[in-house]
Amino acid sequence: MNAFLKKYFFYILRWQLSTPLLTFLYILLAGFKQLEMVIIANFIGALFFFWIDKYIFTGELCEQWEVREKIVCVDCGKKARGYRLVKTKNYDRADDINPEFRCEECSIKKFNDVKKKNGF
């Protein structure tokens, strides 16, 4: 399953998890007025689901890229918008002191090489 579909699947699953949580809070907060109950339940849900959303959108389920304008590609020497893969499963160059930027074509080639090498 590709990374986008994985994120999408976990995002849908995350929304389904909100149903039992909100049901529990509805029972727990039964003495409150409806508006107060909704505000409190949404606040508690946000405290809980922030961490799940953070993982879905920045965790191992997706790649992190850095983009810079007007670079010289380290592979082909072309002057263009530059891309570099910063982090993905089994690959982390977040602390790289000499990051290498590539044009779009070379970046795609490099990304495919990393995918093959790291088995994802």
N, C-alpha and C. Protein backbone atom coordinates (compact mmCIF):
# COMPACT_ATOMS: atom_id res chain seq x y z
N MET A 1 0.86 -1.18 0.00
CA MET A 1 0.00 0.00 0.00
C MET A 1 0.91 1.24 0.00
N ASN A 2 0.63 2.20 -0.88
CA ASN A 2 1.50 3.37 -0.92
C ASN A 2 1.26 4.28 0.29
N ALA A 3 2.17 5.23 0.49
CA ALA A 3 2.15 6.07 1.70
C ALA A 3 0.87 6.89 1.82
N PHE A 4 0.37 7.42 0.70
CA PHE A 4 -0.84 8.23 0.76
C PHE A 4 -2.03 7.39 1.23
N LEU A 5 -2.19 6.20 0.67
CA LEU A 5 -3.31 5.35 1.06
C LEU A 5 -3.20 4.90 2.51
N LYS A 6 -1.98 4.66 2.99
CA LYS A 6 -1.78 4.33 4.40
C LYS A 6 -2.24 5.47 5.30
N LYS A 7 -1.81 6.69 4.94
CA LYS A 7 -2.22 7.86 5.73
C LYS A 7 -3.73 8.01 5.71
N TYR A 8 -4.32 7.83 4.54
CA TYR A 8 -5.76 7.97 4.40
C TYR A 8 -6.50 6.93 5.24
N PHE A 9 -6.02 5.68 5.19
CA PHE A 9 -6.62 4.60 5.97
C PHE A 9 -6.56 4.92 7.47
N PHE A 10 -5.38 5.33 7.96
CA PHE A 10 -5.24 5.64 9.38
C PHE A 10 -6.05 6.87 9.78
N TYR A 11 -6.18 7.82 8.87
CA TYR A 11 -6.99 8.99 9.16
C TYR A 11 -8.47 8.61 9.32
N ILE A 12 -8.98 7.73 8.45
CA ILE A 12 -10.36 7.25 8.56
C ILE A 12 -10.54 6.46 9.86
N LEU A 13 -9.58 5.60 10.16
CA LEU A 13 -9.62 4.83 11.39
C LEU A 13 -9.61 5.75 12.61
N ARG A 14 -8.82 6.80 12.56
CA ARG A 14 -8.76 7.77 13.65
C ARG A 14 -10.13 8.42 13.88
N TRP A 15 -10.82 8.75 12.80
CA TRP A 15 -12.16 9.34 12.95
C TRP A 15 -13.12 8.34 13.57
N GLN A 16 -12.98 7.07 13.22
CA GLN A 16 -13.86 6.06 13.81
C GLN A 16 -13.59 5.91 15.31
N LEU A 17 -12.36 6.12 15.73
CA LEU A 17 -12.03 6.06 17.16
C LEU A 17 -12.70 7.18 17.96
N SER A 18 -13.04 8.25 17.29
CA SER A 18 -13.68 9.35 18.00
C SER A 18 -15.09 8.99 18.47
N THR A 19 -15.74 8.05 17.80
CA THR A 19 -17.11 7.67 18.19
C THR A 19 -17.18 7.09 19.60
N PRO A 20 -16.38 6.06 19.95
CA PRO A 20 -16.46 5.55 21.32
C PRO A 20 -16.03 6.59 22.36
N LEU A 21 -15.03 7.40 22.02
CA LEU A 21 -14.59 8.43 22.97
C LEU A 21 -15.70 9.43 23.24
N LEU A 22 -16.32 9.92 22.18
CA LEU A 22 -17.40 10.90 22.36
C LEU A 22 -18.62 10.28 23.04
N THR A 23 -18.89 9.02 22.77
CA THR A 23 -20.00 8.33 23.45
C THR A 23 -19.72 8.25 24.95
N PHE A 24 -18.52 7.87 25.31
CA PHE A 24 -18.13 7.80 26.72
C PHE A 24 -18.26 9.19 27.37
N LEU A 25 -17.78 10.21 26.69
CA LEU A 25 -17.86 11.56 27.25
C LEU A 25 -19.31 12.03 27.35
N TYR A 26 -20.15 11.64 26.41
CA TYR A 26 -21.56 12.00 26.44
C TYR A 26 -22.22 11.44 27.71
N ILE A 27 -21.91 10.20 28.01
CA ILE A 27 -22.45 9.57 29.22
C ILE A 27 -21.88 10.24 30.47
N LEU A 28 -20.58 10.49 30.46
CA LEU A 28 -19.90 11.09 31.60
C LEU A 28 -20.39 12.51 31.87
N LEU A 29 -20.69 13.24 30.82
CA LEU A 29 -21.07 14.66 30.95
C LEU A 29 -22.58 14.87 30.86
N ALA A 30 -23.35 13.87 31.14
CA ALA A 30 -24.80 13.92 30.97
C ALA A 30 -25.47 15.06 31.72
N GLY A 31 -24.89 15.54 32.81
CA GLY A 31 -25.49 16.60 33.60
C GLY A 31 -25.31 17.99 33.00
N PHE A 32 -24.47 18.13 31.98
CA PHE A 32 -24.21 19.43 31.38
C PHE A 32 -25.22 19.74 30.28
N LYS A 33 -25.35 21.04 29.97
CA LYS A 33 -26.16 21.44 28.82
C LYS A 33 -25.47 20.97 27.55
N GLN A 34 -26.24 20.86 26.47
CA GLN A 34 -25.68 20.30 25.22
C GLN A 34 -24.47 21.09 24.71
N LEU A 35 -24.55 22.41 24.67
CA LEU A 35 -23.45 23.21 24.17
C LEU A 35 -22.20 23.04 25.03
N GLU A 36 -22.38 23.05 26.33
CA GLU A 36 -21.23 22.84 27.22
C GLU A 36 -20.63 21.46 27.00
N MET A 37 -21.50 20.46 26.82
CA MET A 37 -21.05 19.09 26.62
C MET A 37 -20.22 18.98 25.33
N VAL A 38 -20.68 19.60 24.26
CA VAL A 38 -19.97 19.56 22.99
C VAL A 38 -18.61 20.24 23.10
N ILE A 39 -18.56 21.39 23.74
CA ILE A 39 -17.30 22.11 23.90
C ILE A 39 -16.31 21.28 24.71
N ILE A 40 -16.74 20.72 25.82
CA ILE A 40 -15.85 19.92 26.66
C ILE A 40 -15.40 18.66 25.91
N ALA A 41 -16.34 17.98 25.25
CA ALA A 41 -16.00 16.76 24.52
C ALA A 41 -15.02 17.04 23.38
N ASN A 42 -15.22 18.12 22.65
CA ASN A 42 -14.29 18.47 21.57
C ASN A 42 -12.91 18.84 22.12
N PHE A 43 -12.88 19.51 23.24
CA PHE A 43 -11.59 19.86 23.87
C PHE A 43 -10.84 18.58 24.28
N ILE A 44 -11.53 17.67 24.93
CA ILE A 44 -10.89 16.42 25.35
C ILE A 44 -10.48 15.59 24.12
N GLY A 45 -11.34 15.56 23.12
CA GLY A 45 -11.00 14.86 21.88
C GLY A 45 -9.76 15.44 21.21
N ALA A 46 -9.64 16.76 21.21
CA ALA A 46 -8.47 17.41 20.61
C ALA A 46 -7.20 17.05 21.38
N LEU A 47 -7.29 17.00 22.70
CA LEU A 47 -6.13 16.61 23.50
C LEU A 47 -5.67 15.20 23.15
N PHE A 48 -6.62 14.32 22.91
CA PHE A 48 -6.32 12.93 22.61
C PHE A 48 -5.87 12.73 21.16
N PHE A 49 -6.63 13.29 20.21
CA PHE A 49 -6.38 13.00 18.80
C PHE A 49 -5.26 13.82 18.18
N PHE A 50 -4.81 14.87 18.84
CA PHE A 50 -3.67 15.64 18.33
C PHE A 50 -2.48 14.72 18.08
N TRP A 51 -2.21 13.83 19.03
CA TRP A 51 -1.05 12.94 18.93
C TRP A 51 -1.21 11.92 17.81
N ILE A 52 -2.40 11.44 17.62
CA ILE A 52 -2.64 10.50 16.53
C ILE A 52 -2.48 11.21 15.19
N ASP A 53 -3.06 12.40 15.04
CA ASP A 53 -2.93 13.16 13.81
C ASP A 53 -1.47 13.51 13.53
N LYS A 54 -0.75 13.88 14.58
CA LYS A 54 0.67 14.22 14.41
C LYS A 54 1.42 13.01 13.85
N TYR A 55 1.14 11.84 14.37
CA TYR A 55 1.81 10.63 13.87
C TYR A 55 1.41 10.35 12.41
N ILE A 56 0.13 10.48 12.10
CA ILE A 56 -0.33 10.20 10.74
C ILE A 56 0.36 11.12 9.74
N PHE A 57 0.47 12.40 10.07
CA PHE A 57 0.96 13.37 9.09
C PHE A 57 2.44 13.68 9.17
N THR A 58 3.12 13.27 10.24
CA THR A 58 4.56 13.54 10.32
C THR A 58 5.36 12.34 10.77
N GLY A 59 4.72 11.24 11.07
CA GLY A 59 5.42 10.05 11.55
C GLY A 59 5.96 9.21 10.42
N GLU A 60 6.15 7.94 10.67
CA GLU A 60 6.73 7.03 9.69
C GLU A 60 5.82 6.77 8.50
N LEU A 61 4.60 7.26 8.55
CA LEU A 61 3.68 6.99 7.45
C LEU A 61 3.91 7.89 6.24
N CYS A 62 4.75 8.91 6.39
CA CYS A 62 4.94 9.81 5.26
C CYS A 62 6.39 10.26 5.17
N GLU A 63 6.75 10.75 4.01
CA GLU A 63 8.08 11.29 3.80
C GLU A 63 8.11 12.75 4.21
N GLN A 64 9.28 13.20 4.61
CA GLN A 64 9.49 14.62 4.87
C GLN A 64 10.52 15.12 3.86
N TRP A 65 10.17 16.22 3.20
CA TRP A 65 11.01 16.79 2.15
C TRP A 65 11.38 18.22 2.51
N GLU A 66 12.50 18.68 1.99
CA GLU A 66 12.89 20.09 2.07
C GLU A 66 13.01 20.60 0.64
N VAL A 67 12.50 21.81 0.41
CA VAL A 67 12.52 22.40 -0.93
C VAL A 67 13.20 23.76 -0.85
N ARG A 68 14.09 24.02 -1.80
CA ARG A 68 14.76 25.33 -1.90
C ARG A 68 14.71 25.81 -3.33
N GLU A 69 14.63 27.10 -3.46
CA GLU A 69 14.64 27.71 -4.79
C GLU A 69 16.08 27.93 -5.25
N LYS A 70 16.28 27.88 -6.52
CA LYS A 70 17.55 28.23 -7.17
C LYS A 70 18.75 27.50 -6.58
N ILE A 71 18.77 26.20 -6.78
CA ILE A 71 19.92 25.39 -6.36
C ILE A 71 20.63 24.87 -7.60
N VAL A 72 21.79 24.30 -7.39
CA VAL A 72 22.49 23.59 -8.45
C VAL A 72 22.40 22.11 -8.08
N CYS A 73 21.79 21.33 -8.94
CA CYS A 73 21.57 19.90 -8.68
C CYS A 73 22.91 19.20 -8.50
N VAL A 74 23.05 18.42 -7.43
CA VAL A 74 24.31 17.71 -7.16
C VAL A 74 24.55 16.58 -8.16
N ASP A 75 23.52 16.13 -8.85
CA ASP A 75 23.69 15.02 -9.80
C ASP A 75 23.95 15.50 -11.22
N CYS A 76 23.12 16.42 -11.71
CA CYS A 76 23.24 16.81 -13.11
C CYS A 76 23.75 18.23 -13.33
N GLY A 77 23.84 19.02 -12.25
CA GLY A 77 24.37 20.39 -12.37
C GLY A 77 23.37 21.42 -12.85
N LYS A 78 22.13 21.02 -13.08
CA LYS A 78 21.11 21.95 -13.57
C LYS A 78 20.72 22.92 -12.46
N LYS A 79 20.49 24.20 -12.83
CA LYS A 79 20.00 25.19 -11.88
C LYS A 79 18.48 25.15 -11.91
N ALA A 80 17.89 24.87 -10.74
CA ALA A 80 16.43 24.69 -10.69
C ALA A 80 15.98 24.75 -9.24
N ARG A 81 14.68 24.55 -9.04
CA ARG A 81 14.15 24.35 -7.69
C ARG A 81 14.72 23.03 -7.19
N GLY A 82 15.18 23.03 -5.92
CA GLY A 82 15.84 21.84 -5.40
C GLY A 82 15.02 21.11 -4.36
N TYR A 83 15.15 19.80 -4.37
CA TYR A 83 14.43 18.94 -3.43
C TYR A 83 15.43 18.02 -2.75
N ARG A 84 15.15 17.71 -1.48
CA ARG A 84 15.91 16.67 -0.82
C ARG A 84 14.99 15.90 0.12
N LEU A 85 15.13 14.59 0.10
CA LEU A 85 14.38 13.75 1.01
C LEU A 85 15.07 13.84 2.36
N VAL A 86 14.30 14.25 3.38
CA VAL A 86 14.86 14.42 4.71
C VAL A 86 14.67 13.17 5.54
N LYS A 87 13.45 12.63 5.51
CA LYS A 87 13.16 11.51 6.39
C LYS A 87 12.04 10.65 5.83
N THR A 88 12.22 9.35 5.94
CA THR A 88 11.19 8.37 5.63
C THR A 88 11.56 7.09 6.36
N LYS A 89 10.81 6.06 6.17
CA LYS A 89 11.08 4.79 6.85
C LYS A 89 12.50 4.32 6.55
N ASN A 90 13.26 4.03 7.59
CA ASN A 90 14.64 3.53 7.50
C ASN A 90 15.59 4.52 6.82
N TYR A 91 15.26 5.80 6.81
CA TYR A 91 16.10 6.81 6.17
C TYR A 91 15.89 8.12 6.91
N ASP A 92 16.97 8.68 7.48
CA ASP A 92 16.86 9.93 8.22
C ASP A 92 18.10 10.78 7.98
N ARG A 93 17.92 11.89 7.28
CA ARG A 93 19.01 12.82 7.02
C ARG A 93 18.68 14.20 7.62
N ALA A 94 17.90 14.21 8.69
CA ALA A 94 17.48 15.48 9.29
C ALA A 94 18.67 16.25 9.86
N ASP A 95 19.70 15.56 10.32
CA ASP A 95 20.86 16.23 10.93
C ASP A 95 22.03 16.36 9.97
N ASP A 96 21.78 16.18 8.69
CA ASP A 96 22.85 16.26 7.69
C ASP A 96 23.40 17.68 7.62
N ILE A 97 24.70 17.83 7.88
CA ILE A 97 25.28 19.19 7.88
C ILE A 97 25.57 19.69 6.46
N ASN A 98 25.63 18.77 5.49
CA ASN A 98 25.83 19.14 4.09
C ASN A 98 24.74 18.52 3.23
N PRO A 99 23.52 19.07 3.31
CA PRO A 99 22.42 18.46 2.56
C PRO A 99 22.63 18.60 1.05
N GLU A 100 22.21 17.57 0.33
CA GLU A 100 22.34 17.56 -1.13
C GLU A 100 20.97 17.76 -1.76
N PHE A 101 20.86 18.82 -2.56
CA PHE A 101 19.60 19.12 -3.24
C PHE A 101 19.71 18.68 -4.70
N ARG A 102 18.58 18.21 -5.21
CA ARG A 102 18.52 17.75 -6.59
C ARG A 102 17.35 18.41 -7.31
N CYS A 103 17.47 18.50 -8.63
CA CYS A 103 16.34 18.97 -9.43
C CYS A 103 15.23 17.92 -9.33
N GLU A 104 14.07 18.24 -9.86
CA GLU A 104 12.93 17.32 -9.72
C GLU A 104 13.21 15.95 -10.32
N GLU A 105 13.78 15.90 -11.51
CA GLU A 105 14.03 14.62 -12.17
C GLU A 105 15.02 13.76 -11.37
N CYS A 106 16.12 14.35 -10.95
CA CYS A 106 17.13 13.61 -10.20
C CYS A 106 16.62 13.23 -8.81
N SER A 107 15.78 14.08 -8.24
CA SER A 107 15.21 13.80 -6.92
C SER A 107 14.30 12.58 -6.97
N ILE A 108 13.51 12.46 -8.02
CA ILE A 108 12.63 11.30 -8.18
C ILE A 108 13.48 10.04 -8.33
N LYS A 109 14.54 10.12 -9.13
CA LYS A 109 15.42 8.97 -9.31
C LYS A 109 16.06 8.56 -7.98
N LYS A 110 16.57 9.53 -7.23
CA LYS A 110 17.19 9.25 -5.93
C LYS A 110 16.18 8.63 -4.97
N PHE A 111 14.96 9.17 -4.94
CA PHE A 111 13.92 8.65 -4.04
C PHE A 111 13.61 7.19 -4.38
N ASN A 112 13.50 6.88 -5.67
CA ASN A 112 13.24 5.49 -6.07
C ASN A 112 14.39 4.57 -5.66
N ASP A 113 15.63 5.07 -5.74
CA ASP A 113 16.79 4.29 -5.30
C ASP A 113 16.73 4.02 -3.80
N VAL A 114 16.36 5.03 -3.02
CA VAL A 114 16.25 4.88 -1.57
C VAL A 114 15.14 3.88 -1.23
N LYS A 115 14.02 3.96 -1.95
CA LYS A 115 12.92 3.02 -1.71
C LYS A 115 13.37 1.58 -1.96
N LYS A 116 14.07 1.34 -3.05
CA LYS A 116 14.55 0.00 -3.34
C LYS A 116 15.54 -0.48 -2.29
N LYS A 117 16.47 0.39 -1.92
CA LYS A 117 17.52 0.04 -0.97
C LYS A 117 16.96 -0.29 0.41
N ASN A 118 15.94 0.47 0.84
CA ASN A 118 15.39 0.31 2.18
C ASN A 118 14.14 -0.56 2.24
N GLY A 119 13.72 -1.09 1.12
CA GLY A 119 12.62 -2.05 1.10
C GLY A 119 11.27 -1.51 1.50
N PHE A 120 10.87 -0.38 0.95
CA PHE A 120 9.50 0.12 1.20
C PHE A 120 8.88 0.60 -0.07
